[in-house]
Amino acid sequence: MKNLIVVRHAKSSWATPTKDVDRPLIQRGISDAHLVSSYILNSIPKTFLLWTSTAKRASDTAIIFAQNIAFPIENIIYKEDLYTFDENQLEKVIKSCNNLYESIILFGHNEAITNFVNKFGDSFIPNVPTSGLVSLQFETDDWSKIDKGKTQKIIFPKDLK
């Protein structure tokens, strides 16, 4: 059995005159990331990998989650290939995970996240919002063979306010 939790990065600023990869979180994004990560504290797997896009908004979101779920920040794995908006690239990265690991928590970007959870989950989600979390479970022991799975949890900040 493989478990995947995908989280769209928290709300970031378009107003900052910087490259896309360097866009920072705004206060609402920081608050929403704390809200969702605090809510899931008791429902995450006991052991997992934590992967994040190298984009500042995704890695800062991952750090907030790590702090709130007591995951060592130095164990966060930064993956350049998660800085993608394409679900096929996202799928390729996930399917490359070592089978020794049963669970991954992954921080990335839309459209890739929304399209991925709709392709691999059994619940249609029109849009995964910023700080939105979707948990999927797959009936396989091989990441490279994940196929249609079961959507376990859908947690959006607006539902917690």
N, C-alpha and C. Protein backbone atom coordinates (compact mmCIF):
# COMPACT_ATOMS: atom_id res chain seq x y z
N MET A 1 0.85 -1.18 0.00
CA MET A 1 0.00 0.00 0.00
C MET A 1 0.89 1.24 0.00
N LYS A 2 0.60 2.19 -0.88
CA LYS A 2 1.35 3.45 -0.96
C LYS A 2 0.39 4.59 -0.63
N ASN A 3 0.90 5.56 0.12
CA ASN A 3 0.12 6.73 0.53
C ASN A 3 0.81 7.99 0.05
N LEU A 4 0.03 8.86 -0.55
CA LEU A 4 0.57 10.11 -1.08
C LEU A 4 -0.30 11.26 -0.58
N ILE A 5 0.35 12.24 0.02
CA ILE A 5 -0.34 13.47 0.42
C ILE A 5 0.27 14.58 -0.42
N VAL A 6 -0.56 15.23 -1.23
CA VAL A 6 -0.07 16.36 -2.02
C VAL A 6 -0.64 17.65 -1.45
N VAL A 7 0.21 18.66 -1.39
CA VAL A 7 -0.18 19.95 -0.86
C VAL A 7 0.22 21.01 -1.87
N ARG A 8 -0.74 21.83 -2.25
CA ARG A 8 -0.41 22.97 -3.11
C ARG A 8 0.21 24.04 -2.21
N HIS A 9 1.25 24.67 -2.69
CA HIS A 9 1.92 25.71 -1.91
C HIS A 9 0.91 26.75 -1.43
N ALA A 10 1.26 27.43 -0.34
CA ALA A 10 0.40 28.47 0.22
C ALA A 10 0.36 29.70 -0.69
N LYS A 11 -0.57 30.59 -0.40
CA LYS A 11 -0.79 31.80 -1.20
C LYS A 11 0.48 32.65 -1.22
N SER A 12 0.86 33.04 -2.43
CA SER A 12 2.08 33.83 -2.60
C SER A 12 1.75 35.17 -3.24
N SER A 13 2.76 36.00 -3.33
CA SER A 13 2.58 37.36 -3.84
C SER A 13 2.98 37.47 -5.31
N TRP A 14 2.05 37.99 -6.11
CA TRP A 14 2.37 38.30 -7.50
C TRP A 14 2.97 39.70 -7.59
N ALA A 15 2.83 40.50 -6.53
CA ALA A 15 3.25 41.90 -6.55
C ALA A 15 4.76 42.07 -6.39
N THR A 16 5.43 41.07 -5.88
CA THR A 16 6.86 41.16 -5.68
C THR A 16 7.58 41.12 -7.02
N PRO A 17 8.43 42.10 -7.30
CA PRO A 17 9.15 42.11 -8.59
C PRO A 17 10.32 41.13 -8.57
N THR A 18 10.00 39.88 -8.77
CA THR A 18 11.01 38.82 -8.71
C THR A 18 10.66 37.72 -9.70
N LYS A 19 11.58 36.80 -9.90
CA LYS A 19 11.30 35.65 -10.76
C LYS A 19 10.24 34.78 -10.10
N ASP A 20 9.49 34.03 -10.91
CA ASP A 20 8.42 33.18 -10.39
C ASP A 20 8.93 32.24 -9.30
N VAL A 21 10.06 31.64 -9.49
CA VAL A 21 10.59 30.66 -8.55
C VAL A 21 10.89 31.29 -7.18
N ASP A 22 11.05 32.60 -7.14
CA ASP A 22 11.42 33.30 -5.90
C ASP A 22 10.24 34.00 -5.21
N ARG A 23 9.02 33.80 -5.71
CA ARG A 23 7.89 34.51 -5.11
C ARG A 23 7.66 34.07 -3.67
N PRO A 24 7.53 35.03 -2.75
CA PRO A 24 7.34 34.70 -1.33
C PRO A 24 5.87 34.49 -0.98
N LEU A 25 5.65 33.89 0.18
CA LEU A 25 4.29 33.73 0.71
C LEU A 25 3.79 35.08 1.23
N ILE A 26 2.48 35.25 1.19
CA ILE A 26 1.87 36.41 1.84
C ILE A 26 1.32 35.95 3.19
N GLN A 27 0.90 36.90 4.01
CA GLN A 27 0.44 36.56 5.37
C GLN A 27 -0.71 35.56 5.35
N ARG A 28 -1.66 35.74 4.44
CA ARG A 28 -2.78 34.78 4.36
C ARG A 28 -2.27 33.38 4.07
N GLY A 29 -1.27 33.27 3.20
CA GLY A 29 -0.68 31.97 2.89
C GLY A 29 -0.03 31.34 4.09
N ILE A 30 0.70 32.13 4.84
CA ILE A 30 1.36 31.63 6.05
C ILE A 30 0.30 31.14 7.05
N SER A 31 -0.74 31.92 7.24
CA SER A 31 -1.81 31.54 8.17
C SER A 31 -2.52 30.27 7.72
N ASP A 32 -2.84 30.18 6.42
CA ASP A 32 -3.52 29.00 5.90
C ASP A 32 -2.66 27.74 6.01
N ALA A 33 -1.36 27.88 5.77
CA ALA A 33 -0.45 26.73 5.89
C ALA A 33 -0.41 26.24 7.34
N HIS A 34 -0.37 27.17 8.28
CA HIS A 34 -0.41 26.77 9.70
C HIS A 34 -1.74 26.09 10.04
N LEU A 35 -2.83 26.63 9.52
CA LEU A 35 -4.16 26.09 9.79
C LEU A 35 -4.28 24.64 9.32
N VAL A 36 -3.92 24.38 8.07
CA VAL A 36 -4.06 23.04 7.50
C VAL A 36 -3.07 22.07 8.16
N SER A 37 -1.83 22.50 8.35
CA SER A 37 -0.84 21.59 8.93
C SER A 37 -1.17 21.24 10.38
N SER A 38 -1.72 22.17 11.11
CA SER A 38 -2.12 21.88 12.49
C SER A 38 -3.31 20.92 12.51
N TYR A 39 -4.20 21.06 11.54
CA TYR A 39 -5.40 20.21 11.47
C TYR A 39 -5.04 18.75 11.18
N ILE A 40 -4.03 18.52 10.36
CA ILE A 40 -3.69 17.14 9.95
C ILE A 40 -2.74 16.43 10.90
N LEU A 41 -2.31 17.11 11.92
CA LEU A 41 -1.29 16.59 12.82
C LEU A 41 -1.52 15.14 13.24
N ASN A 42 -2.73 14.76 13.56
CA ASN A 42 -3.00 13.40 14.05
C ASN A 42 -3.39 12.41 12.97
N SER A 43 -3.37 12.84 11.71
CA SER A 43 -3.81 11.92 10.66
C SER A 43 -2.75 11.67 9.59
N ILE A 44 -1.51 12.03 9.87
CA ILE A 44 -0.45 11.76 8.90
C ILE A 44 0.18 10.40 9.21
N PRO A 45 0.79 9.78 8.20
CA PRO A 45 1.46 8.49 8.45
C PRO A 45 2.56 8.63 9.50
N LYS A 46 2.90 7.54 10.14
CA LYS A 46 3.95 7.58 11.17
C LYS A 46 5.32 7.90 10.57
N THR A 47 5.61 7.32 9.41
CA THR A 47 6.87 7.62 8.72
C THR A 47 6.56 8.01 7.28
N PHE A 48 7.35 8.91 6.75
CA PHE A 48 7.11 9.40 5.39
C PHE A 48 8.33 10.18 4.91
N LEU A 49 8.38 10.35 3.60
CA LEU A 49 9.32 11.28 2.98
C LEU A 49 8.59 12.60 2.83
N LEU A 50 9.31 13.69 2.91
CA LEU A 50 8.72 15.00 2.67
C LEU A 50 9.50 15.65 1.53
N TRP A 51 8.83 15.77 0.39
CA TRP A 51 9.44 16.34 -0.82
C TRP A 51 8.81 17.69 -1.10
N THR A 52 9.63 18.62 -1.59
CA THR A 52 9.10 19.91 -2.00
C THR A 52 9.77 20.42 -3.26
N SER A 53 9.01 21.19 -4.00
CA SER A 53 9.55 21.96 -5.11
C SER A 53 10.58 22.92 -4.53
N THR A 54 11.54 23.31 -5.35
CA THR A 54 12.55 24.26 -4.91
C THR A 54 12.05 25.71 -4.95
N ALA A 55 10.87 25.94 -5.49
CA ALA A 55 10.32 27.30 -5.50
C ALA A 55 10.13 27.77 -4.06
N LYS A 56 10.44 29.03 -3.81
CA LYS A 56 10.38 29.58 -2.45
C LYS A 56 9.01 29.38 -1.82
N ARG A 57 7.93 29.63 -2.55
CA ARG A 57 6.59 29.52 -1.98
C ARG A 57 6.26 28.08 -1.57
N ALA A 58 6.75 27.10 -2.32
CA ALA A 58 6.51 25.68 -1.98
C ALA A 58 7.42 25.26 -0.82
N SER A 59 8.68 25.62 -0.87
CA SER A 59 9.60 25.19 0.19
C SER A 59 9.26 25.88 1.52
N ASP A 60 8.82 27.14 1.47
CA ASP A 60 8.40 27.80 2.71
C ASP A 60 7.14 27.14 3.28
N THR A 61 6.23 26.71 2.42
CA THR A 61 5.04 25.99 2.87
C THR A 61 5.45 24.66 3.52
N ALA A 62 6.38 23.96 2.89
CA ALA A 62 6.86 22.68 3.43
C ALA A 62 7.50 22.88 4.80
N ILE A 63 8.23 23.96 4.97
CA ILE A 63 8.87 24.24 6.26
C ILE A 63 7.82 24.49 7.34
N ILE A 64 6.77 25.24 7.00
CA ILE A 64 5.69 25.49 7.97
C ILE A 64 5.05 24.16 8.39
N PHE A 65 4.74 23.33 7.42
CA PHE A 65 4.14 22.02 7.73
C PHE A 65 5.10 21.19 8.58
N ALA A 66 6.35 21.14 8.19
CA ALA A 66 7.33 20.34 8.93
C ALA A 66 7.40 20.79 10.39
N GLN A 67 7.44 22.08 10.61
CA GLN A 67 7.49 22.58 11.99
C GLN A 67 6.26 22.16 12.78
N ASN A 68 5.09 22.25 12.17
CA ASN A 68 3.85 21.94 12.87
C ASN A 68 3.61 20.45 13.09
N ILE A 69 4.19 19.62 12.26
CA ILE A 69 4.01 18.17 12.43
C ILE A 69 5.25 17.52 13.04
N ALA A 70 6.16 18.34 13.54
CA ALA A 70 7.38 17.87 14.21
C ALA A 70 8.25 16.99 13.30
N PHE A 71 8.39 17.41 12.05
CA PHE A 71 9.26 16.73 11.09
C PHE A 71 10.56 17.53 11.01
N PRO A 72 11.70 16.88 11.12
CA PRO A 72 12.98 17.61 11.09
C PRO A 72 13.18 18.36 9.76
N ILE A 73 13.35 19.65 9.86
CA ILE A 73 13.50 20.49 8.66
C ILE A 73 14.68 20.03 7.81
N GLU A 74 15.73 19.56 8.45
CA GLU A 74 16.91 19.13 7.70
C GLU A 74 16.64 17.85 6.88
N ASN A 75 15.52 17.18 7.12
CA ASN A 75 15.18 15.98 6.35
C ASN A 75 14.25 16.26 5.16
N ILE A 76 13.88 17.53 4.97
CA ILE A 76 13.08 17.89 3.79
C ILE A 76 13.94 17.66 2.55
N ILE A 77 13.35 17.04 1.54
CA ILE A 77 14.06 16.78 0.28
C ILE A 77 13.57 17.78 -0.75
N TYR A 78 14.48 18.60 -1.24
CA TYR A 78 14.18 19.62 -2.25
C TYR A 78 14.43 19.03 -3.62
N LYS A 79 13.38 19.06 -4.45
CA LYS A 79 13.48 18.45 -5.77
C LYS A 79 13.16 19.49 -6.86
N GLU A 80 14.16 19.80 -7.66
CA GLU A 80 13.96 20.78 -8.73
C GLU A 80 12.88 20.34 -9.71
N ASP A 81 12.78 19.04 -9.94
CA ASP A 81 11.80 18.56 -10.91
C ASP A 81 10.36 18.63 -10.38
N LEU A 82 10.16 19.04 -9.12
CA LEU A 82 8.81 19.30 -8.63
C LEU A 82 8.37 20.74 -8.91
N TYR A 83 9.29 21.56 -9.40
CA TYR A 83 8.91 22.90 -9.85
C TYR A 83 8.34 22.74 -11.25
N THR A 84 7.12 22.20 -11.28
CA THR A 84 6.46 21.92 -12.54
C THR A 84 4.97 22.20 -12.43
N PHE A 85 4.36 22.53 -13.54
CA PHE A 85 2.92 22.79 -13.60
C PHE A 85 2.25 21.70 -14.44
N ASP A 86 3.02 20.67 -14.80
CA ASP A 86 2.59 19.60 -15.68
C ASP A 86 2.40 18.31 -14.89
N GLU A 87 1.18 17.77 -14.90
CA GLU A 87 0.90 16.55 -14.12
C GLU A 87 1.69 15.35 -14.60
N ASN A 88 2.08 15.31 -15.87
CA ASN A 88 2.87 14.18 -16.36
C ASN A 88 4.27 14.19 -15.74
N GLN A 89 4.85 15.37 -15.59
CA GLN A 89 6.14 15.48 -14.91
C GLN A 89 6.00 15.12 -13.43
N LEU A 90 4.91 15.59 -12.81
CA LEU A 90 4.66 15.27 -11.41
C LEU A 90 4.51 13.76 -11.24
N GLU A 91 3.77 13.13 -12.11
CA GLU A 91 3.59 11.67 -12.07
C GLU A 91 4.93 10.96 -12.19
N LYS A 92 5.77 11.42 -13.08
CA LYS A 92 7.08 10.81 -13.30
C LYS A 92 7.93 10.88 -12.03
N VAL A 93 7.90 12.01 -11.35
CA VAL A 93 8.68 12.18 -10.12
C VAL A 93 8.15 11.23 -9.03
N ILE A 94 6.84 11.19 -8.86
CA ILE A 94 6.24 10.33 -7.83
C ILE A 94 6.54 8.86 -8.12
N LYS A 95 6.42 8.46 -9.36
CA LYS A 95 6.66 7.06 -9.72
C LYS A 95 8.12 6.65 -9.58
N SER A 96 9.00 7.63 -9.40
CA SER A 96 10.43 7.33 -9.23
C SER A 96 10.81 7.08 -7.78
N CYS A 97 9.86 7.21 -6.87
CA CYS A 97 10.16 7.04 -5.44
C CYS A 97 10.62 5.61 -5.15
N ASN A 98 11.57 5.50 -4.26
CA ASN A 98 12.08 4.21 -3.82
C ASN A 98 10.96 3.45 -3.09
N ASN A 99 10.78 2.19 -3.42
CA ASN A 99 9.69 1.40 -2.84
C ASN A 99 9.88 1.08 -1.36
N LEU A 100 11.02 1.41 -0.80
CA LEU A 100 11.21 1.23 0.65
C LEU A 100 10.29 2.16 1.43
N TYR A 101 9.85 3.23 0.80
CA TYR A 101 9.01 4.23 1.46
C TYR A 101 7.55 4.01 1.12
N GLU A 102 6.71 3.95 2.15
CA GLU A 102 5.28 3.73 1.95
C GLU A 102 4.51 5.03 1.73
N SER A 103 5.04 6.13 2.26
CA SER A 103 4.28 7.39 2.25
C SER A 103 5.16 8.58 1.87
N ILE A 104 4.55 9.49 1.11
CA ILE A 104 5.21 10.73 0.71
C ILE A 104 4.26 11.88 1.00
N ILE A 105 4.79 12.96 1.54
CA ILE A 105 4.08 14.24 1.59
C ILE A 105 4.82 15.14 0.62
N LEU A 106 4.12 15.68 -0.35
CA LEU A 106 4.73 16.40 -1.46
C LEU A 106 4.13 17.80 -1.58
N PHE A 107 4.97 18.81 -1.76
CA PHE A 107 4.54 20.20 -1.91
C PHE A 107 4.89 20.67 -3.32
N GLY A 108 3.85 21.15 -4.03
CA GLY A 108 4.07 21.54 -5.41
C GLY A 108 3.12 22.61 -5.88
N HIS A 109 2.81 22.54 -7.18
CA HIS A 109 2.14 23.64 -7.87
C HIS A 109 0.93 23.16 -8.68
N ASN A 110 0.04 24.10 -8.93
CA ASN A 110 -1.06 23.84 -9.85
C ASN A 110 -0.60 24.22 -11.24
N GLU A 111 -1.16 23.73 -12.16
CA GLU A 111 -2.20 22.80 -12.54
C GLU A 111 -1.82 21.36 -12.28
N ALA A 112 -0.55 21.12 -12.07
CA ALA A 112 -0.08 19.74 -11.92
C ALA A 112 -0.81 19.02 -10.79
N ILE A 113 -0.98 19.66 -9.64
CA ILE A 113 -1.59 18.98 -8.49
C ILE A 113 -3.05 18.66 -8.77
N THR A 114 -3.84 19.64 -9.22
CA THR A 114 -5.26 19.38 -9.49
C THR A 114 -5.42 18.29 -10.53
N ASN A 115 -4.67 18.37 -11.60
CA ASN A 115 -4.79 17.37 -12.67
C ASN A 115 -4.34 15.99 -12.18
N PHE A 116 -3.30 15.93 -11.38
CA PHE A 116 -2.81 14.65 -10.86
C PHE A 116 -3.84 14.00 -9.95
N VAL A 117 -4.40 14.75 -8.99
CA VAL A 117 -5.35 14.12 -8.06
C VAL A 117 -6.63 13.70 -8.77
N ASN A 118 -6.98 14.39 -9.84
CA ASN A 118 -8.17 13.97 -10.60
C ASN A 118 -7.88 12.73 -11.45
N LYS A 119 -6.67 12.60 -11.93
CA LYS A 119 -6.31 11.42 -12.71
C LYS A 119 -6.16 10.19 -11.81
N PHE A 120 -5.59 10.36 -10.62
CA PHE A 120 -5.25 9.22 -9.78
C PHE A 120 -6.19 8.99 -8.60
N GLY A 121 -7.03 9.96 -8.28
CA GLY A 121 -7.97 9.79 -7.19
C GLY A 121 -9.34 9.36 -7.69
N ASP A 122 -10.26 9.10 -6.76
CA ASP A 122 -11.60 8.68 -7.16
C ASP A 122 -12.66 9.75 -6.84
N SER A 123 -12.20 10.96 -6.55
CA SER A 123 -13.11 12.10 -6.33
C SER A 123 -12.68 13.24 -7.24
N PHE A 124 -13.64 13.85 -7.94
CA PHE A 124 -13.29 14.97 -8.81
C PHE A 124 -13.15 16.24 -7.96
N ILE A 125 -12.06 16.96 -8.17
CA ILE A 125 -11.80 18.21 -7.48
C ILE A 125 -11.57 19.27 -8.55
N PRO A 126 -12.49 20.26 -8.66
CA PRO A 126 -12.34 21.27 -9.72
C PRO A 126 -11.03 22.05 -9.63
N ASN A 127 -10.58 22.34 -8.40
CA ASN A 127 -9.35 23.09 -8.22
C ASN A 127 -8.84 22.88 -6.79
N VAL A 128 -7.59 22.47 -6.67
CA VAL A 128 -6.97 22.40 -5.35
C VAL A 128 -6.44 23.81 -5.06
N PRO A 129 -7.00 24.48 -4.04
CA PRO A 129 -6.58 25.85 -3.76
C PRO A 129 -5.22 25.89 -3.06
N THR A 130 -4.67 27.08 -2.93
CA THR A 130 -3.43 27.24 -2.19
C THR A 130 -3.62 26.71 -0.77
N SER A 131 -2.62 26.04 -0.26
CA SER A 131 -2.61 25.35 1.03
C SER A 131 -3.59 24.17 1.07
N GLY A 132 -4.17 23.81 -0.06
CA GLY A 132 -5.07 22.66 -0.12
C GLY A 132 -4.29 21.36 -0.06
N LEU A 133 -4.87 20.38 0.60
CA LEU A 133 -4.23 19.08 0.79
C LEU A 133 -5.17 17.98 0.30
N VAL A 134 -4.60 17.03 -0.43
CA VAL A 134 -5.35 15.86 -0.89
C VAL A 134 -4.51 14.63 -0.59
N SER A 135 -5.14 13.66 0.06
CA SER A 135 -4.47 12.42 0.43
C SER A 135 -5.02 11.29 -0.44
N LEU A 136 -4.11 10.53 -1.06
CA LEU A 136 -4.49 9.41 -1.91
C LEU A 136 -3.84 8.13 -1.39
N GLN A 137 -4.54 7.03 -1.59
CA GLN A 137 -3.99 5.72 -1.21
C GLN A 137 -4.06 4.80 -2.41
N PHE A 138 -2.98 4.04 -2.62
CA PHE A 138 -2.87 3.16 -3.78
C PHE A 138 -2.68 1.72 -3.31
N GLU A 139 -3.40 0.80 -3.95
CA GLU A 139 -3.32 -0.63 -3.62
C GLU A 139 -2.18 -1.28 -4.39
N THR A 140 -0.96 -0.86 -4.10
CA THR A 140 0.23 -1.43 -4.70
C THR A 140 1.40 -1.23 -3.75
N ASP A 141 2.44 -2.02 -3.93
CA ASP A 141 3.66 -1.85 -3.16
C ASP A 141 4.77 -1.28 -4.02
N ASP A 142 4.41 -0.82 -5.22
CA ASP A 142 5.40 -0.33 -6.18
C ASP A 142 4.97 1.05 -6.69
N TRP A 143 5.74 2.07 -6.31
CA TRP A 143 5.39 3.44 -6.74
C TRP A 143 5.29 3.54 -8.26
N SER A 144 6.12 2.82 -8.99
CA SER A 144 6.11 2.94 -10.46
C SER A 144 4.82 2.39 -11.06
N LYS A 145 4.05 1.64 -10.27
CA LYS A 145 2.82 1.03 -10.77
C LYS A 145 1.56 1.65 -10.19
N ILE A 146 1.69 2.83 -9.55
CA ILE A 146 0.47 3.45 -9.02
C ILE A 146 -0.48 3.73 -10.18
N ASP A 147 -1.74 3.52 -9.90
CA ASP A 147 -2.79 3.73 -10.89
C ASP A 147 -3.94 4.39 -10.14
N LYS A 148 -5.15 4.19 -10.58
CA LYS A 148 -6.28 4.81 -9.92
C LYS A 148 -6.29 4.40 -8.45
N GLY A 149 -6.24 5.40 -7.59
CA GLY A 149 -6.25 5.15 -6.16
C GLY A 149 -7.52 5.64 -5.51
N LYS A 150 -7.50 5.70 -4.22
CA LYS A 150 -8.67 6.14 -3.45
C LYS A 150 -8.33 7.48 -2.79
N THR A 151 -9.21 8.45 -2.98
CA THR A 151 -9.04 9.74 -2.33
C THR A 151 -9.46 9.57 -0.87
N GLN A 152 -8.52 9.76 0.05
CA GLN A 152 -8.76 9.56 1.47
C GLN A 152 -9.23 10.83 2.17
N LYS A 153 -8.57 11.94 1.89
CA LYS A 153 -8.89 13.21 2.55
C LYS A 153 -8.75 14.36 1.56
N ILE A 154 -9.63 15.31 1.72
CA ILE A 154 -9.54 16.58 0.99
C ILE A 154 -9.68 17.67 2.05
N ILE A 155 -8.63 18.46 2.24
CA ILE A 155 -8.67 19.49 3.26
C ILE A 155 -8.27 20.82 2.64
N PHE A 156 -9.21 21.76 2.64
CA PHE A 156 -8.95 23.08 2.10
C PHE A 156 -9.07 24.10 3.22
N PRO A 157 -8.25 25.15 3.22
CA PRO A 157 -8.30 26.14 4.29
C PRO A 157 -9.69 26.71 4.55
N LYS A 158 -10.44 26.99 3.50
CA LYS A 158 -11.78 27.59 3.69
C LYS A 158 -12.70 26.70 4.51
N ASP A 159 -12.49 25.39 4.46
CA ASP A 159 -13.32 24.46 5.22
C ASP A 159 -12.98 24.43 6.71
N LEU A 160 -11.85 25.03 7.07
CA LEU A 160 -11.39 25.01 8.46
C LEU A 160 -11.61 26.36 9.15
N LYS A 161 -12.11 27.33 8.40
CA LYS A 161 -12.28 28.68 8.97
C LYS A 161 -13.69 28.86 9.48
